[in-house]
């Protein structure tokens, strides 16, 4: 049923809880997980302005999802991680729909509470537009 699971991760506590739920689904249905971290334009600009070189930028981005990756590695579930660029909601939806995932697992809140308050939550946007079931983890 849920063989191909997309996990949206940003390093927040909610994304760590989401990772645990994605792992449980993958174990139960003998599935695999693709974890994605989406970097928006403002974050990309800030990274470039505050980093010494592109290797430092890459290291900082990988650090954001390090704990999620550690959970996945410890689980024994087959997984991949990707760093994507764009607005989080539409990018997650496009990736999920274009790659025929069976389920998206996402936290109810991420790292940017102000943007969420003003623009609506990423999880809500994904739930409305994804072609597959979406599990929103509190």
N, C-alpha and C. Protein backbone atom coordinates (compact mmCIF):
# COMPACT_ATOMS: atom_id res chain seq x y z
N UNK A 1 0.82 -1.20 0.00
CA UNK A 1 0.00 0.00 0.00
C UNK A 1 0.86 1.27 0.00
N UNK A 2 1.76 1.38 0.96
CA UNK A 2 2.65 2.54 1.03
C UNK A 2 4.08 2.07 0.80
N UNK A 3 4.39 1.74 -0.43
CA UNK A 3 5.71 1.24 -0.78
C UNK A 3 6.72 2.37 -1.02
N UNK A 4 6.23 3.46 -1.57
CA UNK A 4 7.10 4.58 -1.94
C UNK A 4 6.65 5.81 -1.15
N UNK A 5 7.44 6.17 -0.13
CA UNK A 5 7.06 7.21 0.83
C UNK A 5 7.96 8.43 0.67
N UNK A 6 7.33 9.60 0.58
CA UNK A 6 8.08 10.85 0.53
C UNK A 6 8.03 11.49 1.91
N UNK A 7 9.19 11.80 2.45
CA UNK A 7 9.29 12.46 3.76
C UNK A 7 9.82 13.87 3.54
N UNK A 8 9.02 14.86 3.92
CA UNK A 8 9.46 16.26 3.85
C UNK A 8 10.13 16.59 5.19
N UNK A 9 11.39 17.01 5.13
CA UNK A 9 12.16 17.25 6.35
C UNK A 9 12.83 18.61 6.29
N UNK A 10 12.87 19.28 7.44
CA UNK A 10 13.58 20.56 7.52
C UNK A 10 14.45 20.68 8.78
N UNK A 11 14.54 19.60 9.53
CA UNK A 11 15.36 19.63 10.74
C UNK A 11 14.60 20.02 11.99
N UNK A 12 13.33 20.38 11.86
CA UNK A 12 12.53 20.76 13.03
C UNK A 12 12.15 19.52 13.82
N UNK A 13 11.65 19.73 15.05
CA UNK A 13 11.18 18.63 15.87
C UNK A 13 10.04 17.89 15.19
N UNK A 14 9.16 18.64 14.51
CA UNK A 14 8.05 18.00 13.80
C UNK A 14 8.56 17.09 12.67
N UNK A 15 9.64 17.49 12.01
CA UNK A 15 10.14 16.63 10.93
C UNK A 15 10.81 15.38 11.50
N UNK A 16 11.36 15.45 12.70
CA UNK A 16 11.92 14.26 13.34
C UNK A 16 10.81 13.28 13.70
N UNK A 17 9.70 13.80 14.23
CA UNK A 17 8.55 12.94 14.52
C UNK A 17 7.99 12.35 13.23
N UNK A 18 7.97 13.15 12.18
CA UNK A 18 7.50 12.68 10.87
C UNK A 18 8.38 11.54 10.37
N UNK A 19 9.68 11.68 10.57
CA UNK A 19 10.61 10.64 10.13
C UNK A 19 10.30 9.32 10.83
N UNK A 20 10.00 9.38 12.11
CA UNK A 20 9.66 8.15 12.84
C UNK A 20 8.40 7.50 12.28
N UNK A 21 7.40 8.30 11.93
CA UNK A 21 6.17 7.75 11.35
C UNK A 21 6.43 7.19 9.95
N UNK A 22 7.26 7.87 9.17
CA UNK A 22 7.59 7.37 7.83
C UNK A 22 8.32 6.03 7.94
N UNK A 23 9.21 5.92 8.90
CA UNK A 23 9.93 4.66 9.11
C UNK A 23 8.96 3.54 9.48
N UNK A 24 8.01 3.84 10.37
CA UNK A 24 7.01 2.83 10.75
C UNK A 24 6.21 2.36 9.54
N UNK A 25 5.79 3.31 8.69
CA UNK A 25 5.05 2.94 7.48
C UNK A 25 5.90 2.08 6.56
N UNK A 26 7.14 2.48 6.36
CA UNK A 26 8.04 1.74 5.48
C UNK A 26 8.28 0.33 6.01
N UNK A 27 8.44 0.19 7.30
CA UNK A 27 8.65 -1.12 7.90
C UNK A 27 7.39 -1.99 7.75
N UNK A 28 6.25 -1.40 7.99
CA UNK A 28 4.99 -2.15 7.94
C UNK A 28 4.67 -2.63 6.53
N UNK A 29 4.94 -1.80 5.53
CA UNK A 29 4.57 -2.13 4.15
C UNK A 29 5.77 -2.51 3.28
N UNK A 30 6.94 -2.74 3.92
CA UNK A 30 8.15 -3.11 3.20
C UNK A 30 8.45 -2.08 2.10
N UNK A 31 8.39 -0.81 2.48
CA UNK A 31 8.57 0.28 1.54
C UNK A 31 9.91 0.97 1.67
N UNK A 32 10.08 2.01 0.87
CA UNK A 32 11.30 2.82 0.91
C UNK A 32 10.90 4.28 1.10
N UNK A 33 11.86 5.08 1.53
CA UNK A 33 11.62 6.49 1.84
C UNK A 33 12.56 7.36 1.03
N UNK A 34 12.02 8.45 0.50
CA UNK A 34 12.84 9.52 -0.05
C UNK A 34 12.59 10.74 0.82
N UNK A 35 13.64 11.22 1.46
CA UNK A 35 13.54 12.41 2.30
C UNK A 35 14.02 13.61 1.51
N UNK A 36 13.23 14.68 1.53
CA UNK A 36 13.64 15.90 0.82
C UNK A 36 13.65 17.07 1.77
N UNK A 37 14.60 17.95 1.54
CA UNK A 37 14.70 19.22 2.25
C UNK A 37 14.66 20.30 1.18
N UNK A 38 13.69 21.20 1.29
CA UNK A 38 13.51 22.23 0.27
C UNK A 38 14.07 23.55 0.78
N UNK A 39 14.93 24.16 -0.03
CA UNK A 39 15.54 25.44 0.31
C UNK A 39 14.88 26.52 -0.54
N UNK A 40 14.29 27.51 0.12
CA UNK A 40 13.65 28.59 -0.62
C UNK A 40 14.68 29.65 -1.02
N UNK A 41 14.25 30.60 -1.82
CA UNK A 41 15.15 31.63 -2.34
C UNK A 41 15.82 32.46 -1.27
N UNK A 42 15.08 32.85 -0.24
CA UNK A 42 15.65 33.67 0.84
C UNK A 42 16.73 32.91 1.60
N UNK A 43 16.47 31.66 1.88
CA UNK A 43 17.45 30.84 2.59
C UNK A 43 18.70 30.65 1.73
N UNK A 44 18.50 30.42 0.44
CA UNK A 44 19.64 30.24 -0.47
C UNK A 44 20.50 31.50 -0.51
N UNK A 45 19.86 32.67 -0.57
CA UNK A 45 20.61 33.94 -0.59
C UNK A 45 21.38 34.13 0.71
N UNK A 46 20.74 33.86 1.84
CA UNK A 46 21.40 34.01 3.14
C UNK A 46 22.58 33.04 3.25
N UNK A 47 22.40 31.83 2.77
CA UNK A 47 23.50 30.85 2.80
C UNK A 47 24.71 31.37 2.03
N UNK A 48 24.47 31.92 0.86
CA UNK A 48 25.56 32.42 0.02
C UNK A 48 26.25 33.61 0.69
N UNK A 49 25.47 34.50 1.28
CA UNK A 49 26.04 35.68 1.92
C UNK A 49 26.87 35.36 3.15
N UNK A 50 26.51 34.31 3.88
CA UNK A 50 27.16 34.02 5.15
C UNK A 50 28.17 32.88 5.10
N UNK A 51 28.39 32.30 3.95
CA UNK A 51 29.31 31.17 3.84
C UNK A 51 30.59 31.57 3.13
N UNK A 52 31.66 30.89 3.47
CA UNK A 52 32.96 31.17 2.86
C UNK A 52 33.05 30.58 1.45
N UNK A 53 32.45 29.41 1.25
CA UNK A 53 32.50 28.76 -0.06
C UNK A 53 31.33 27.80 -0.22
N UNK A 54 31.22 27.21 -1.40
CA UNK A 54 30.08 26.34 -1.70
C UNK A 54 30.10 25.07 -0.85
N UNK A 55 31.27 24.63 -0.42
CA UNK A 55 31.36 23.43 0.41
C UNK A 55 30.76 23.68 1.80
N UNK A 56 30.98 24.90 2.31
CA UNK A 56 30.39 25.27 3.61
C UNK A 56 28.87 25.33 3.50
N UNK A 57 28.38 25.85 2.39
CA UNK A 57 26.93 25.92 2.16
C UNK A 57 26.34 24.51 2.14
N UNK A 58 26.97 23.63 1.39
CA UNK A 58 26.50 22.24 1.29
C UNK A 58 26.52 21.55 2.65
N UNK A 59 27.56 21.79 3.42
CA UNK A 59 27.68 21.20 4.75
C UNK A 59 26.57 21.69 5.67
N UNK A 60 26.27 23.00 5.64
CA UNK A 60 25.20 23.57 6.48
C UNK A 60 23.85 22.97 6.11
N UNK A 61 23.62 22.77 4.83
CA UNK A 61 22.34 22.21 4.37
C UNK A 61 22.20 20.76 4.80
N UNK A 62 23.27 20.01 4.69
CA UNK A 62 23.23 18.61 5.12
C UNK A 62 23.06 18.51 6.63
N UNK A 63 23.60 19.48 7.34
CA UNK A 63 23.49 19.51 8.81
C UNK A 63 22.02 19.67 9.24
N UNK A 64 21.24 20.41 8.44
CA UNK A 64 19.82 20.63 8.76
C UNK A 64 19.05 19.32 8.87
N UNK A 65 19.39 18.36 8.01
CA UNK A 65 18.64 17.10 8.02
C UNK A 65 19.48 15.93 8.54
N UNK A 66 20.55 16.26 9.24
CA UNK A 66 21.44 15.22 9.77
C UNK A 66 20.71 14.27 10.72
N UNK A 67 19.91 14.80 11.63
CA UNK A 67 19.21 13.94 12.60
C UNK A 67 18.19 13.04 11.91
N UNK A 68 17.52 13.58 10.91
CA UNK A 68 16.56 12.77 10.15
C UNK A 68 17.31 11.65 9.43
N UNK A 69 18.42 11.99 8.83
CA UNK A 69 19.24 10.99 8.13
C UNK A 69 19.72 9.91 9.10
N UNK A 70 20.12 10.30 10.30
CA UNK A 70 20.58 9.34 11.31
C UNK A 70 19.45 8.38 11.70
N UNK A 71 18.23 8.91 11.86
CA UNK A 71 17.08 8.05 12.15
C UNK A 71 16.86 7.04 11.03
N UNK A 72 16.94 7.51 9.79
CA UNK A 72 16.73 6.63 8.66
C UNK A 72 17.83 5.56 8.57
N UNK A 73 19.07 5.98 8.79
CA UNK A 73 20.19 5.02 8.74
C UNK A 73 20.03 3.96 9.82
N UNK A 74 19.61 4.36 11.01
CA UNK A 74 19.45 3.43 12.12
C UNK A 74 18.28 2.48 11.97
N UNK A 75 17.36 2.81 11.10
CA UNK A 75 16.15 2.00 10.95
C UNK A 75 16.35 0.77 10.09
N UNK A 76 17.28 0.82 9.17
CA UNK A 76 17.47 -0.28 8.23
C UNK A 76 16.55 -0.20 7.02
N UNK A 77 15.72 0.83 6.94
CA UNK A 77 14.82 1.03 5.81
C UNK A 77 15.63 1.60 4.64
N UNK A 78 15.29 1.18 3.43
CA UNK A 78 15.94 1.74 2.24
C UNK A 78 15.50 3.19 2.08
N UNK A 79 16.47 4.09 1.88
CA UNK A 79 16.13 5.51 1.77
C UNK A 79 17.13 6.25 0.89
N UNK A 80 16.68 7.43 0.44
CA UNK A 80 17.51 8.40 -0.27
C UNK A 80 17.20 9.76 0.32
N UNK A 81 18.13 10.69 0.21
CA UNK A 81 17.86 12.08 0.60
C UNK A 81 18.19 13.00 -0.57
N UNK A 82 17.41 14.08 -0.66
CA UNK A 82 17.61 15.06 -1.73
C UNK A 82 17.44 16.45 -1.14
N UNK A 83 18.20 17.39 -1.66
CA UNK A 83 18.01 18.80 -1.33
C UNK A 83 17.50 19.48 -2.59
N UNK A 84 16.31 20.07 -2.49
CA UNK A 84 15.66 20.72 -3.62
C UNK A 84 15.58 22.22 -3.38
N UNK A 85 15.37 22.98 -4.45
CA UNK A 85 15.26 24.43 -4.35
C UNK A 85 13.90 24.88 -4.83
N UNK A 86 13.31 25.84 -4.12
CA UNK A 86 12.02 26.40 -4.50
C UNK A 86 11.19 26.72 -3.27
N UNK A 87 9.96 27.13 -3.51
CA UNK A 87 9.02 27.38 -2.42
C UNK A 87 8.59 26.01 -1.89
N UNK A 88 8.63 25.82 -0.58
CA UNK A 88 8.46 24.50 0.01
C UNK A 88 7.19 23.77 -0.44
N UNK A 89 6.02 24.37 -0.25
CA UNK A 89 4.77 23.69 -0.56
C UNK A 89 4.69 23.22 -2.01
N UNK A 90 4.78 24.13 -2.97
CA UNK A 90 4.70 23.71 -4.37
C UNK A 90 5.80 22.75 -4.80
N UNK A 91 6.99 22.90 -4.24
CA UNK A 91 8.09 22.01 -4.61
C UNK A 91 7.85 20.60 -4.11
N UNK A 92 7.36 20.46 -2.89
CA UNK A 92 7.04 19.14 -2.34
C UNK A 92 5.92 18.49 -3.15
N UNK A 93 4.88 19.25 -3.46
CA UNK A 93 3.75 18.74 -4.24
C UNK A 93 4.22 18.28 -5.61
N UNK A 94 4.98 19.11 -6.29
CA UNK A 94 5.46 18.77 -7.64
C UNK A 94 6.31 17.50 -7.59
N UNK A 95 7.21 17.41 -6.63
CA UNK A 95 8.08 16.24 -6.53
C UNK A 95 7.26 14.99 -6.24
N UNK A 96 6.29 15.10 -5.34
CA UNK A 96 5.44 13.96 -5.00
C UNK A 96 4.63 13.50 -6.20
N UNK A 97 4.01 14.43 -6.90
CA UNK A 97 3.14 14.10 -8.02
C UNK A 97 3.93 13.58 -9.24
N UNK A 98 5.07 14.18 -9.50
CA UNK A 98 5.88 13.77 -10.65
C UNK A 98 6.54 12.41 -10.47
N UNK A 99 6.73 12.00 -9.21
CA UNK A 99 7.44 10.75 -8.93
C UNK A 99 6.53 9.64 -8.40
N UNK A 100 5.23 9.86 -8.47
CA UNK A 100 4.25 8.82 -8.14
C UNK A 100 4.44 8.18 -6.76
N UNK A 101 4.54 9.01 -5.74
CA UNK A 101 4.66 8.48 -4.38
C UNK A 101 3.31 7.95 -3.91
N UNK A 102 3.36 6.98 -3.02
CA UNK A 102 2.15 6.40 -2.44
C UNK A 102 1.66 7.20 -1.24
N UNK A 103 2.56 7.98 -0.64
CA UNK A 103 2.22 8.72 0.57
C UNK A 103 3.26 9.81 0.80
N UNK A 104 2.82 10.94 1.33
CA UNK A 104 3.73 12.00 1.78
C UNK A 104 3.58 12.11 3.29
N UNK A 105 4.70 12.14 3.99
CA UNK A 105 4.70 12.33 5.44
C UNK A 105 5.37 13.66 5.71
N UNK A 106 4.67 14.53 6.45
CA UNK A 106 5.16 15.89 6.68
C UNK A 106 4.75 16.35 8.07
N UNK A 107 5.58 17.16 8.69
CA UNK A 107 5.25 17.72 10.01
C UNK A 107 4.22 18.82 9.89
N UNK A 108 3.45 19.01 10.95
CA UNK A 108 2.42 20.03 10.93
C UNK A 108 3.01 21.44 11.01
N UNK A 109 4.21 21.55 11.52
CA UNK A 109 4.89 22.84 11.61
C UNK A 109 6.35 22.64 11.28
N UNK A 110 6.93 23.68 10.69
CA UNK A 110 8.34 23.62 10.35
C UNK A 110 9.15 24.64 11.12
N UNK A 111 10.23 25.09 10.52
CA UNK A 111 11.14 26.01 11.19
C UNK A 111 10.71 27.47 11.11
N UNK A 112 9.90 27.85 10.12
CA UNK A 112 9.58 29.25 9.91
C UNK A 112 8.15 29.57 10.33
N UNK A 113 7.92 29.84 11.61
CA UNK A 113 6.57 30.07 12.13
C UNK A 113 5.94 31.36 11.62
N UNK A 114 6.72 32.43 11.43
CA UNK A 114 6.16 33.69 10.94
C UNK A 114 5.63 33.53 9.53
N UNK A 115 6.42 32.95 8.65
CA UNK A 115 5.98 32.75 7.28
C UNK A 115 4.75 31.85 7.25
N UNK A 116 4.72 30.84 8.09
CA UNK A 116 3.57 29.93 8.15
C UNK A 116 2.31 30.69 8.56
N UNK A 117 2.44 31.59 9.53
CA UNK A 117 1.30 32.38 10.00
C UNK A 117 0.75 33.27 8.89
N UNK A 118 1.64 33.90 8.14
CA UNK A 118 1.22 34.84 7.10
C UNK A 118 0.72 34.17 5.82
N UNK A 119 1.36 33.08 5.43
CA UNK A 119 1.09 32.47 4.13
C UNK A 119 0.31 31.16 4.19
N UNK A 120 0.13 30.61 5.36
CA UNK A 120 -0.51 29.30 5.47
C UNK A 120 0.54 28.22 5.55
N UNK A 121 0.21 27.13 6.21
CA UNK A 121 1.22 26.11 6.46
C UNK A 121 1.56 25.32 5.20
N UNK A 122 2.80 24.90 5.15
CA UNK A 122 3.28 24.08 4.04
C UNK A 122 2.50 22.77 4.04
N UNK A 123 2.27 22.20 5.21
CA UNK A 123 1.56 20.92 5.28
C UNK A 123 0.15 21.04 4.72
N UNK A 124 -0.50 22.16 4.97
CA UNK A 124 -1.85 22.38 4.44
C UNK A 124 -1.82 22.45 2.91
N UNK A 125 -0.84 23.17 2.37
CA UNK A 125 -0.71 23.28 0.91
C UNK A 125 -0.45 21.90 0.28
N UNK A 126 0.39 21.12 0.91
CA UNK A 126 0.70 19.79 0.39
C UNK A 126 -0.54 18.90 0.45
N UNK A 127 -1.24 18.92 1.57
CA UNK A 127 -2.43 18.08 1.73
C UNK A 127 -3.49 18.41 0.68
N UNK A 128 -3.63 19.69 0.34
CA UNK A 128 -4.64 20.10 -0.64
C UNK A 128 -4.28 19.70 -2.07
N UNK A 129 -2.99 19.64 -2.39
CA UNK A 129 -2.59 19.53 -3.79
C UNK A 129 -1.91 18.22 -4.19
N UNK A 130 -1.47 17.43 -3.23
CA UNK A 130 -0.79 16.18 -3.58
C UNK A 130 -1.81 15.16 -4.09
N UNK A 131 -1.39 14.35 -5.04
CA UNK A 131 -2.26 13.34 -5.64
C UNK A 131 -2.34 12.06 -4.80
N UNK A 132 -1.56 11.97 -3.75
CA UNK A 132 -1.54 10.77 -2.91
C UNK A 132 -1.95 11.15 -1.47
N UNK A 133 -2.18 10.16 -0.62
CA UNK A 133 -2.49 10.47 0.79
C UNK A 133 -1.34 11.24 1.44
N UNK A 134 -1.69 12.13 2.36
CA UNK A 134 -0.70 12.92 3.08
C UNK A 134 -0.91 12.70 4.59
N UNK A 135 0.14 12.28 5.26
CA UNK A 135 0.10 12.11 6.72
C UNK A 135 0.77 13.32 7.34
N UNK A 136 -0.01 14.12 8.07
CA UNK A 136 0.51 15.30 8.75
C UNK A 136 0.73 14.94 10.20
N UNK A 137 1.97 15.04 10.65
CA UNK A 137 2.35 14.61 12.00
C UNK A 137 2.47 15.82 12.91
N UNK A 138 1.79 15.77 14.04
CA UNK A 138 1.85 16.85 15.04
C UNK A 138 3.08 16.69 15.90
